[in-house]
Protein backbone atom coordinates (compact mmCIF):
# COMPACT_ATOMS: atom_id res chain seq x y z
CA MET A 1 0.15 0.07 0.03
CA SER A 2 1.14 3.51 -0.55
CA ALA A 3 -0.19 6.82 -1.06
CA GLY A 4 -0.03 9.25 -4.20
CA CYS A 5 -1.89 12.20 -5.57
CA THR A 6 -4.50 11.46 -8.49
CA PRO A 7 -3.77 13.76 -11.62
CA GLY A 8 -6.29 16.64 -11.60
CA GLU A 9 -7.63 16.25 -7.89
CA PRO A 10 -6.94 19.27 -5.70
CA GLN A 11 -3.72 18.88 -3.59
CA GLY A 12 -4.38 16.99 -0.33
CA GLN A 13 -6.78 14.33 -2.17
CA ARG A 14 -4.79 11.08 -1.57
CA ALA A 15 -5.26 7.65 -2.60
CA ARG A 16 -4.35 4.45 -0.72
CA THR A 17 -3.85 1.54 -2.93
CA GLU A 18 -4.24 -2.17 -2.46
CA GLN A 19 -3.86 -4.78 -5.42
CA ALA A 20 -5.13 -8.47 -5.79
CA ARG A 21 -3.73 -9.69 -9.04
CA LEU A 22 -5.74 -7.64 -11.98
CA THR A 23 -8.01 -6.07 -9.18
CA LEU A 24 -7.23 -2.75 -7.57
CA VAL A 25 -8.88 -1.35 -4.61
CA LEU A 26 -8.23 2.42 -4.19
CA HIS A 27 -9.32 4.31 -1.13
CA THR A 28 -9.64 7.86 -1.45
CA PRO A 29 -10.79 10.68 1.09
CA ALA A 30 -14.48 10.75 1.44
CA GLY A 31 -16.54 11.65 -1.86
CA GLY A 32 -13.46 10.98 -3.92
CA ALA A 33 -14.20 7.57 -5.36
CA ARG A 34 -16.42 8.86 -8.02
CA TYR A 35 -14.24 11.22 -9.26
CA LEU A 36 -11.17 8.77 -9.49
CA ALA A 37 -13.61 6.09 -11.32
CA THR A 38 -14.28 8.75 -13.74
CA ARG A 39 -11.02 9.63 -14.40
CA LEU A 40 -9.64 6.00 -14.83
CA ASP A 41 -12.75 4.94 -16.99
CA SER A 42 -11.93 7.91 -19.48
CA ALA A 43 -8.23 6.85 -19.89
CA PRO A 44 -8.12 4.23 -22.77
CA HIS A 45 -4.31 3.78 -22.26
CA LEU A 46 -4.76 2.44 -18.93
CA GLU A 47 -6.39 -0.78 -19.89
CA VAL A 48 -9.35 -0.70 -17.20
CA MET A 49 -12.35 -2.82 -17.83
CA GLY A 50 -14.12 -1.10 -15.51
CA CYS A 51 -14.65 0.67 -12.05
CA ILE A 52 -17.22 0.40 -9.21
CA ALA A 53 -17.33 3.48 -7.07
CA GLY A 54 -18.73 3.94 -3.52
CA ASN A 55 -18.25 6.79 -1.47
CA ASP A 56 -14.49 6.50 -0.72
CA VAL A 57 -13.45 3.36 -2.31
CA THR A 58 -12.91 2.53 -6.11
CA LEU A 59 -12.83 -0.86 -7.09
CA VAL A 60 -10.85 -1.32 -10.59
CA VAL A 61 -10.41 -4.74 -12.77
CA CYS A 62 -7.77 -4.22 -15.10
CA ARG A 63 -7.22 -5.87 -18.60
CA SER A 64 -3.66 -7.32 -17.69
CA TRP A 65 -0.54 -7.11 -15.11
CA ASP A 66 0.84 -4.03 -17.30
CA GLY A 67 -2.38 -2.23 -17.47
CA ALA A 68 -2.66 -2.72 -13.28
CA ARG A 69 0.78 -1.19 -13.10
CA ARG A 70 0.05 1.67 -15.29
CA VAL A 71 -3.06 2.38 -13.39
CA LEU A 72 -1.10 2.45 -9.89
CA ARG A 73 1.44 4.90 -11.48
CA TYR A 74 -1.44 7.09 -12.82
CA VAL A 75 -3.00 7.08 -9.37
CA HIS A 76 0.44 7.99 -7.89
CA GLY A 77 1.02 10.72 -10.53
CA GLU A 78 4.00 9.15 -12.15
CA ALA A 79 4.65 10.84 -15.54
CA ASP A 80 5.34 7.77 -17.45
CA ALA A 81 1.86 6.25 -16.79
CA ASP A 82 0.49 7.36 -20.21
CA ARG A 83 3.14 5.16 -22.17
């Protein structure tokens, strides 16, 4: 688990991440999960099959191991996430 800033979110909005194979559980501050799910769903280069968002948790199913790593890099704000 680690924390990072989601691109486009106001400073201080952090996501804690957990991974189980190709499924990611992203913990956000209250009210941030829908925003994060929308960002991930609208980024085709991330290989996201789909997201389910609650109030503070987003469940992400990825198409591949590389896709899961790409999503994690994206969530943590790493510049090479779009490659």
